[in-house]
Amino acid sequence: MNGILDLLAQNLGGPQMGQLAQTIGADERQTQQAIAAALPALMAGLNRNTNSPQGAESLLGALQQDHDGSLLDNLSGFLGGQVSGRQTDGSGILSHILGGQRPEVEQGVAQASGLDLSKVQRLLPILAPLVMAALGRRQRQGGLGPDVLSDLLGQESRRARQATPDSLLGPLGGFLDKDGDGDFKDDLMQQAGSAILSNLFGRR
């Protein structure tokens, strides 16, 4: 069964990536790099939100009520501004995922990718609903309860970081360093994998 990152890769490849880049007014390569930098932060934020039973239950409720994964079936319409509703409320989703650390993540993604901050601020509210849609679809496919959902997010969070080049992770190190010791790499528990740019968003 596909993971969250796999679902995103399947739906953001080819022309969809070009449309997303056009939507935020950026070139495709920098958009890819910004997404590669942003995903580990978004996954880490979701993972932290499920570290408590209450947080996991709250996220499950949001998925069941507002994020059934159908957004992935109409990605072109979403990017074209033709889809509305709670499932597309990127700013609200980011507030739940990142809280007061949203500006830190925006700055980190901009620094890592070279994308203008204003374009990063347009990108993240588009990317966040897609992450929730992928998570919602995965939850429904597996009938995941809060405990399993929390475990899945832990795995996907580590996977996102393992697959992303250090050059993109570095500017986000402060946010990704969960234990506060100044070294986010020791939180990974495994060696880094292949670059997310080639494995998840490369041309096929």
Protein backbone atom coordinates (compact mmCIF):
# COMPACT_ATOMS: atom_id res chain seq x y z
CA MET A 1 0.00 0.00 0.00
CA ASN A 2 1.34 3.42 -0.96
CA GLY A 3 2.63 5.76 1.69
CA ILE A 4 1.85 9.46 1.96
CA LEU A 5 4.97 10.51 0.08
CA ASP A 6 4.26 8.00 -2.69
CA LEU A 7 0.75 9.38 -3.17
CA LEU A 8 2.12 12.91 -3.37
CA ALA A 9 4.76 11.85 -5.89
CA GLN A 10 2.16 10.15 -8.06
CA ASN A 11 -0.03 13.24 -8.09
CA LEU A 12 2.61 15.95 -8.36
CA GLY A 13 4.62 14.51 -11.23
CA GLY A 14 4.80 15.79 -14.78
CA PRO A 15 2.33 18.50 -15.81
CA GLN A 16 0.93 18.89 -12.30
CA MET A 17 4.28 20.14 -11.06
CA GLY A 18 4.40 22.61 -13.93
CA GLN A 19 0.92 23.85 -13.10
CA LEU A 20 1.83 24.24 -9.43
CA ALA A 21 4.95 26.22 -10.35
CA GLN A 22 2.89 28.44 -12.63
CA THR A 23 0.30 28.96 -9.89
CA ILE A 24 2.89 30.41 -7.50
CA GLY A 25 4.80 32.22 -10.25
CA ALA A 26 8.05 30.26 -9.94
CA ASP A 27 10.14 28.03 -12.17
CA GLU A 28 9.60 24.31 -11.88
CA ARG A 29 13.04 23.40 -10.53
CA GLN A 30 12.86 25.82 -7.59
CA THR A 31 9.30 24.71 -6.90
CA GLN A 32 10.51 21.10 -6.70
CA GLN A 33 13.29 22.10 -4.32
CA ALA A 34 10.90 24.09 -2.14
CA ILE A 35 8.52 21.14 -1.92
CA ALA A 36 11.41 18.82 -1.05
CA ALA A 37 12.42 21.17 1.77
CA ALA A 38 8.86 21.74 2.99
CA LEU A 39 7.69 18.13 3.16
CA PRO A 40 9.97 17.05 6.04
CA ALA A 41 8.78 20.06 8.06
CA LEU A 42 5.10 19.40 7.36
CA MET A 43 5.46 15.71 8.15
CA ALA A 44 7.36 16.50 11.35
CA GLY A 45 4.65 18.94 12.41
CA LEU A 46 1.91 16.38 11.81
CA ASN A 47 3.90 13.74 13.64
CA ARG A 48 4.33 15.97 16.69
CA ASN A 49 0.61 16.68 16.72
CA THR A 50 -0.08 12.96 17.14
CA ASN A 51 2.40 12.42 19.98
CA SER A 52 -0.47 12.66 22.46
CA PRO A 53 -3.64 10.54 22.31
CA GLN A 54 -5.73 13.71 22.18
CA GLY A 55 -3.73 15.06 19.26
CA ALA A 56 -3.99 11.79 17.34
CA GLU A 57 -7.75 11.64 17.91
CA SER A 58 -8.12 15.26 16.80
CA LEU A 59 -6.21 14.64 13.57
CA LEU A 60 -8.22 11.50 12.86
CA GLY A 61 -11.42 13.47 13.31
CA ALA A 62 -10.23 16.15 10.90
CA LEU A 63 -9.33 13.54 8.30
CA GLN A 64 -12.66 11.78 8.60
CA GLN A 65 -14.64 15.00 8.41
CA ASP A 66 -12.77 17.10 5.85
CA HIS A 67 -10.00 15.18 4.09
CA ASP A 68 -11.12 12.08 2.22
CA GLY A 69 -8.39 12.25 -0.42
CA SER A 70 -10.70 13.34 -3.25
CA LEU A 71 -8.66 16.52 -3.67
CA LEU A 72 -5.99 14.40 -5.34
CA ASP A 73 -8.51 13.40 -8.01
CA ASN A 74 -9.09 17.01 -9.01
CA LEU A 75 -5.63 18.46 -8.59
CA SER A 76 -5.86 20.59 -11.72
CA GLY A 77 -9.10 22.13 -10.50
CA PHE A 78 -7.64 22.78 -7.06
CA LEU A 79 -4.54 24.46 -8.49
CA GLY A 80 -6.79 26.49 -10.77
CA GLY A 81 -8.81 27.78 -7.82
CA GLN A 82 -11.93 25.86 -8.81
CA VAL A 83 -12.23 23.81 -5.60
CA SER A 84 -13.25 25.27 -2.24
CA GLY A 85 -14.22 24.13 1.23
CA ARG A 86 -12.45 23.11 4.40
CA GLN A 87 -10.29 20.59 2.58
CA THR A 88 -8.62 23.47 0.70
CA ASP A 89 -8.09 25.79 3.70
CA GLY A 90 -4.32 25.80 3.48
CA SER A 91 -3.75 28.59 5.97
CA GLY A 92 -5.93 26.90 8.57
CA ILE A 93 -4.18 23.57 8.04
CA LEU A 94 -0.76 25.21 8.39
CA SER A 95 -1.86 26.86 11.63
CA HIS A 96 -2.71 23.44 13.05
CA ILE A 97 0.44 21.75 11.72
CA LEU A 98 3.05 24.43 12.38
CA GLY A 99 1.45 26.81 14.87
CA GLY A 100 3.66 29.75 15.72
CA GLN A 101 6.60 28.20 13.91
CA ARG A 102 5.13 28.80 10.48
CA PRO A 103 7.33 31.88 9.78
CA GLU A 104 10.42 29.87 10.75
CA VAL A 105 9.50 27.12 8.32
CA GLU A 106 8.71 29.61 5.55
CA GLN A 107 12.08 31.28 5.98
CA GLY A 108 13.83 27.91 6.06
CA VAL A 109 12.16 26.70 2.87
CA ALA A 110 13.00 29.96 1.12
CA GLN A 111 16.64 29.76 2.20
CA ALA A 112 16.95 26.09 1.25
CA SER A 113 15.35 26.38 -2.18
CA GLY A 114 16.27 29.89 -3.24
CA LEU A 115 12.59 30.57 -3.84
CA ASP A 116 11.38 34.05 -2.91
CA LEU A 117 9.71 34.15 0.49
CA SER A 118 6.52 35.56 -1.02
CA LYS A 119 6.31 32.54 -3.34
CA VAL A 120 6.99 30.12 -0.48
CA GLN A 121 4.13 31.79 1.36
CA ARG A 122 1.92 30.99 -1.63
CA LEU A 123 3.26 27.46 -2.00
CA LEU A 124 2.77 26.14 1.53
CA PRO A 125 -1.00 26.80 1.72
CA ILE A 126 -1.31 24.81 -1.52
CA LEU A 127 0.95 21.98 -0.41
CA ALA A 128 -0.63 21.52 3.03
CA PRO A 129 -4.09 20.47 1.74
CA LEU A 130 -2.42 17.99 -0.61
CA VAL A 131 -0.51 16.44 2.29
CA MET A 132 -3.76 16.16 4.25
CA ALA A 133 -5.52 14.66 1.21
CA ALA A 134 -2.79 12.03 0.84
CA LEU A 135 -2.92 11.28 4.54
CA GLY A 136 -6.71 11.06 4.44
CA ARG A 137 -6.65 8.65 1.54
CA ARG A 138 -4.08 6.48 3.27
CA GLN A 139 -6.16 6.49 6.46
CA ARG A 140 -9.24 5.35 4.59
CA GLN A 141 -7.42 2.70 2.58
CA GLY A 142 -6.14 1.10 5.76
CA GLY A 143 -8.95 2.00 8.15
CA LEU A 144 -6.29 3.46 10.43
CA GLY A 145 -7.11 4.34 14.03
CA PRO A 146 -5.32 7.06 15.99
CA ASP A 147 -2.48 4.85 17.26
CA VAL A 148 -1.64 3.42 13.84
CA LEU A 149 -2.02 6.87 12.29
CA SER A 150 0.55 8.21 14.75
CA ASP A 151 2.95 5.38 13.92
CA LEU A 152 2.51 6.00 10.19
CA LEU A 153 3.28 9.68 10.56
CA GLY A 154 6.42 8.86 12.54
CA GLN A 155 7.59 6.56 9.76
CA GLU A 156 6.74 9.02 6.98
CA SER A 157 8.37 11.88 8.86
CA ARG A 158 11.64 9.96 9.14
CA ARG A 159 11.37 8.84 5.54
CA ALA A 160 10.92 12.41 4.30
CA ARG A 161 14.02 13.56 6.14
CA GLN A 162 16.08 10.55 5.13
CA ALA A 163 15.25 11.15 1.47
CA THR A 164 16.04 14.87 1.42
CA PRO A 165 19.53 16.27 0.74
CA ASP A 166 21.32 17.88 3.68
CA SER A 167 21.56 21.12 1.69
CA LEU A 168 17.78 21.44 1.82
CA LEU A 169 17.36 20.21 5.39
CA GLY A 170 20.02 22.44 6.91
CA PRO A 171 18.05 25.71 6.98
CA LEU A 172 15.18 23.85 8.67
CA GLY A 173 17.38 22.20 11.28
CA GLY A 174 16.00 24.23 14.17
CA PHE A 175 12.44 23.11 13.46
CA LEU A 176 13.40 19.52 12.75
CA ASP A 177 15.54 19.16 15.90
CA LYS A 178 12.92 17.62 18.16
CA ASP A 179 15.13 17.07 21.19
CA GLY A 180 16.63 20.56 21.11
CA ASP A 181 20.27 19.46 21.21
CA GLY A 182 21.19 21.41 18.09
CA ASP A 183 21.54 18.37 15.84
CA PHE A 184 18.47 17.30 13.88
CA LYS A 185 20.32 14.41 12.24
CA ASP A 186 20.41 12.38 15.44
CA ASP A 187 16.61 12.38 15.42
CA LEU A 188 16.49 10.40 12.19
CA MET A 189 17.69 7.09 13.72
CA GLN A 190 18.66 5.83 10.26
CA GLN A 191 21.01 6.85 7.47
CA ALA A 192 19.80 9.24 4.81
CA GLY A 193 18.32 7.74 1.68
CA SER A 194 18.16 8.90 -1.91
CA ALA A 195 17.28 12.47 -2.83
CA ILE A 196 13.57 13.20 -2.73
CA LEU A 197 13.95 15.31 -5.85
CA SER A 198 14.89 12.33 -7.98
CA ASN A 199 12.89 9.61 -6.24
CA LEU A 200 9.65 11.48 -5.64
CA PHE A 201 9.53 14.31 -8.15
CA GLY A 202 11.81 13.19 -10.96
CA ARG A 203 10.47 12.77 -14.45
CA ARG A 204 9.39 9.25 -15.27
